[in-house]
Amino acid sequence: MNANIQDIVYDLYPRPTNGADGQPLLYVRPVAKTVHDSNAIDNFCNETRLLPKGAMKQCLESFLEIATTMMQYGDRIETPFGTFIVKLKLDGDYTDPDQVTGENILFDGIEFTPSKRFKKMLEEKLGHSFVKKEQLRERHTLNDKEALDAILTKCLKAGEVTIRHFSLEAGLGKEAARTYLDSLTQGENPRLIRKKIGNTFYYQQR
């Protein structure tokens, strides 16, 4: 890999389905060179945009509180970088609308639609070179304890991980990923704690 600061580094992963040659179809994801948290964003704004120290961080915290207050009633939030609205789903398969009541509706996360302005600005700033980080990422098994531990540690840098996210990162099927994550919530000194929001499980460092 020979990447400069303007290049986007990417990784290739196998999908569960195979192509005409019998091999797994591939999908691509960018590899973040750096993770910028709210403190880093605040420092950047202070140093390059002359904003007072802490101003941007407070703005982000205020937006989080205000947006969730407005969105709790199903309202849509429009910002310069996109729109946010509650995402819903049904608790089963239905064909008759009369069979569906409010009790059958579940919270399913947040739908974010980036604005045209946001996408255009980002596209103009993207580097034009794409550099592969490494060879095709291997699919792991539950016996690869050391490899799975390293992948989980990386995932938890964001604070929490879902079964779907971990399965993609580790190349595991969803049931295998669930089995592994659930195993870490058990015992006298569990590594993870699990919480459920809507129909999705989130795993956090204990």
Protein backbone atom coordinates (compact mmCIF):
# COMPACT_ATOMS: atom_id res chain seq x y z
CA MET A 1 0.00 0.00 0.00
CA ASN A 2 1.43 3.38 -1.07
CA ALA A 3 -1.10 6.01 -0.05
CA ASN A 4 -0.69 9.71 0.50
CA ILE A 5 -2.87 11.95 2.63
CA GLN A 6 -5.32 12.65 -0.23
CA ASP A 7 -5.89 9.00 -1.13
CA ILE A 8 -8.83 7.00 0.12
CA VAL A 9 -7.68 3.64 1.43
CA TYR A 10 -10.15 0.84 0.94
CA ASP A 11 -10.66 -2.75 2.05
CA LEU A 12 -12.44 -5.51 0.15
CA TYR A 13 -14.71 -7.93 1.99
CA PRO A 14 -16.46 -11.11 0.89
CA ARG A 15 -20.24 -11.10 0.76
CA PRO A 16 -22.27 -14.15 1.82
CA THR A 17 -23.38 -14.72 -1.80
CA ASN A 18 -21.22 -16.11 -4.59
CA GLY A 19 -20.66 -14.95 -8.14
CA ALA A 20 -20.83 -16.95 -11.36
CA ASP A 21 -17.34 -18.35 -10.69
CA GLY A 22 -18.45 -19.79 -7.34
CA GLN A 23 -16.36 -17.31 -5.35
CA PRO A 24 -17.82 -14.77 -2.87
CA LEU A 25 -18.95 -11.50 -4.38
CA LEU A 26 -17.06 -8.51 -2.99
CA TYR A 27 -18.00 -5.20 -1.46
CA VAL A 28 -15.76 -2.26 -0.65
CA ARG A 29 -15.49 -0.01 2.42
CA PRO A 30 -13.17 2.90 3.15
CA VAL A 31 -10.54 2.52 5.86
CA ALA A 32 -10.49 5.55 8.15
CA LYS A 33 -6.94 6.83 8.65
CA THR A 34 -8.09 8.81 11.69
CA VAL A 35 -11.20 8.89 13.88
CA HIS A 36 -12.20 12.46 14.74
CA ASP A 37 -14.31 12.64 17.90
CA SER A 38 -16.12 15.73 19.19
CA ASN A 39 -13.00 16.92 21.02
CA ALA A 40 -10.94 16.74 17.82
CA ILE A 41 -13.63 18.60 15.88
CA ASP A 42 -13.78 21.25 18.58
CA ASN A 43 -9.98 21.67 18.53
CA PHE A 44 -9.99 21.91 14.73
CA CYS A 45 -12.66 24.64 14.78
CA ASN A 46 -10.77 26.51 17.48
CA GLU A 47 -7.49 26.38 15.56
CA THR A 48 -8.73 26.94 12.00
CA ARG A 49 -12.10 28.69 12.29
CA LEU A 50 -11.31 30.88 15.33
CA LEU A 51 -14.27 29.52 17.32
CA PRO A 52 -13.93 29.70 21.11
CA LYS A 53 -12.63 26.56 22.75
CA GLY A 54 -15.55 24.29 23.58
CA ALA A 55 -18.05 26.13 21.37
CA MET A 56 -18.37 23.46 18.69
CA LYS A 57 -18.50 20.64 21.24
CA GLN A 58 -21.29 22.43 23.09
CA CYS A 59 -23.09 23.01 19.80
CA LEU A 60 -22.94 19.29 18.98
CA GLU A 61 -24.21 18.33 22.43
CA SER A 62 -27.04 20.87 22.15
CA PHE A 63 -27.99 19.58 18.70
CA LEU A 64 -28.14 16.02 20.04
CA GLU A 65 -30.50 17.02 22.85
CA ILE A 66 -32.66 19.32 20.71
CA ALA A 67 -32.89 16.95 17.74
CA THR A 68 -34.03 14.01 19.87
CA THR A 69 -36.56 16.24 21.63
CA MET A 70 -38.09 17.23 18.27
CA MET A 71 -37.80 13.81 16.64
CA GLN A 72 -39.57 11.98 19.47
CA TYR A 73 -42.88 12.99 17.88
CA GLY A 74 -41.89 11.85 14.39
CA ASP A 75 -40.81 15.29 13.20
CA ARG A 76 -38.15 15.63 10.53
CA ILE A 77 -34.98 17.62 11.24
CA GLU A 78 -33.44 19.47 8.28
CA THR A 79 -29.84 20.69 8.48
CA PRO A 80 -27.26 21.92 5.94
CA PHE A 81 -25.75 18.44 5.86
CA GLY A 82 -28.97 16.44 5.61
CA THR A 83 -32.22 15.40 7.21
CA PHE A 84 -32.98 13.14 10.16
CA ILE A 85 -36.19 11.29 10.94
CA VAL A 86 -37.18 8.33 13.10
CA LYS A 87 -37.11 5.01 11.22
CA LEU A 88 -39.89 2.55 12.01
CA LYS A 89 -40.63 -1.08 11.20
CA LEU A 90 -43.34 -3.65 11.75
CA ASP A 91 -42.96 -6.49 14.24
CA GLY A 92 -43.90 -9.07 11.61
CA ASP A 93 -45.19 -9.63 8.09
CA TYR A 94 -48.58 -8.13 7.27
CA THR A 95 -50.65 -7.76 4.10
CA ASP A 96 -53.84 -6.30 5.60
CA PRO A 97 -53.48 -2.68 6.83
CA ASP A 98 -56.42 -3.19 9.18
CA GLN A 99 -54.41 -5.78 11.12
CA VAL A 100 -51.69 -3.25 11.97
CA THR A 101 -52.05 -1.17 15.14
CA GLY A 102 -49.69 1.07 17.05
CA GLU A 103 -48.60 -1.94 19.11
CA ASN A 104 -47.10 -3.50 15.98
CA ILE A 105 -44.79 -0.55 15.30
CA LEU A 106 -41.17 -0.66 16.49
CA PHE A 107 -38.38 1.91 16.59
CA ASP A 108 -35.73 0.90 14.04
CA GLY A 109 -33.07 3.60 14.32
CA ILE A 110 -32.59 6.91 12.57
CA GLU A 111 -32.90 7.56 8.86
CA PHE A 112 -30.33 10.07 7.63
CA THR A 113 -30.51 11.49 4.11
CA PRO A 114 -27.46 13.61 3.19
CA SER A 115 -28.22 16.90 1.48
CA LYS A 116 -27.19 17.57 -2.12
CA ARG A 117 -24.97 20.37 -0.83
CA PHE A 118 -23.21 18.04 1.63
CA LYS A 119 -22.60 15.41 -1.04
CA LYS A 120 -21.40 17.96 -3.57
CA MET A 121 -18.96 19.59 -1.13
CA LEU A 122 -17.59 16.21 -0.08
CA GLU A 123 -17.27 15.00 -3.67
CA GLU A 124 -15.28 18.12 -4.54
CA LYS A 125 -12.88 17.47 -1.64
CA LEU A 126 -12.43 13.74 -2.10
CA GLY A 127 -9.07 12.50 -3.25
CA HIS A 128 -9.14 10.91 -6.68
CA SER A 129 -6.91 7.95 -5.87
CA PHE A 130 -8.12 4.78 -4.23
CA VAL A 131 -5.49 2.54 -2.67
CA LYS A 132 -6.12 -0.99 -1.43
CA LYS A 133 -5.04 -1.52 2.18
CA GLU A 134 -4.45 -5.24 1.98
CA GLN A 135 -5.53 -8.42 0.28
CA LEU A 136 -9.11 -9.64 0.54
CA ARG A 137 -10.07 -9.80 4.18
CA GLU A 138 -10.42 -13.38 5.31
CA ARG A 139 -13.56 -14.83 6.78
CA HIS A 140 -13.00 -15.79 10.41
CA THR A 141 -14.47 -18.58 12.49
CA LEU A 142 -15.37 -18.69 16.17
CA ASN A 143 -12.06 -20.48 16.75
CA ASP A 144 -10.10 -17.40 15.67
CA LYS A 145 -10.24 -15.94 19.19
CA GLU A 146 -7.23 -13.67 18.83
CA ALA A 147 -8.35 -12.26 15.48
CA LEU A 148 -11.93 -11.75 16.67
CA ASP A 149 -10.71 -10.01 19.82
CA ALA A 150 -8.65 -7.55 17.74
CA ILE A 151 -11.62 -6.84 15.46
CA LEU A 152 -13.95 -6.33 18.42
CA THR A 153 -11.49 -3.93 20.07
CA LYS A 154 -11.43 -1.89 16.86
CA CYS A 155 -15.23 -1.87 16.61
CA LEU A 156 -15.65 -0.75 20.22
CA LYS A 157 -13.62 2.40 19.60
CA ALA A 158 -16.90 3.88 18.39
CA GLY A 159 -18.38 3.11 21.82
CA GLU A 160 -20.66 0.25 20.84
CA VAL A 161 -21.14 -2.36 18.15
CA THR A 162 -24.13 -4.17 16.65
CA ILE A 163 -24.29 -7.77 15.48
CA ARG A 164 -24.51 -6.64 11.85
CA HIS A 165 -21.48 -4.34 12.14
CA PHE A 166 -19.36 -6.99 13.82
CA SER A 167 -20.41 -9.69 11.36
CA LEU A 168 -19.29 -7.50 8.47
CA GLU A 169 -15.97 -6.60 10.07
CA ALA A 170 -15.17 -10.19 11.06
CA GLY A 171 -16.58 -11.91 8.01
CA LEU A 172 -18.88 -13.98 10.20
CA GLY A 173 -22.48 -14.94 9.60
CA LYS A 174 -24.94 -13.03 11.75
CA GLU A 175 -25.72 -16.01 13.98
CA ALA A 176 -22.02 -16.69 14.56
CA ALA A 177 -21.45 -13.01 15.33
CA ARG A 178 -24.36 -13.03 17.78
CA THR A 179 -23.02 -16.18 19.46
CA TYR A 180 -19.58 -14.63 19.90
CA LEU A 181 -20.83 -11.29 21.24
CA ASP A 182 -23.35 -12.93 23.57
CA SER A 183 -20.62 -15.19 24.97
CA LEU A 184 -18.76 -12.07 26.12
CA THR A 185 -21.76 -10.87 28.15
CA GLN A 186 -21.79 -14.00 30.31
CA GLY A 187 -19.79 -15.25 33.29
CA GLU A 188 -18.71 -13.60 36.53
CA ASN A 189 -16.61 -10.95 34.79
CA PRO A 190 -18.24 -10.32 31.40
CA ARG A 191 -16.36 -8.15 28.95
CA LEU A 192 -19.49 -6.67 27.34
CA ILE A 193 -22.92 -5.49 28.36
CA ARG A 194 -25.87 -5.78 25.99
CA LYS A 195 -28.81 -3.44 25.57
CA LYS A 196 -31.74 -3.55 23.17
CA ILE A 197 -33.13 -0.51 21.37
CA GLY A 198 -36.12 -1.34 19.21
CA ASN A 199 -35.22 -4.66 17.63
CA THR A 200 -31.45 -4.10 17.60
CA PHE A 201 -28.92 -5.27 20.18
CA TYR A 202 -26.01 -2.97 21.03
CA TYR A 203 -22.89 -4.24 22.81
CA GLN A 204 -20.68 -1.97 24.92
CA GLN A 205 -17.49 -2.40 26.94
CA ARG A 206 -18.38 -3.20 30.53
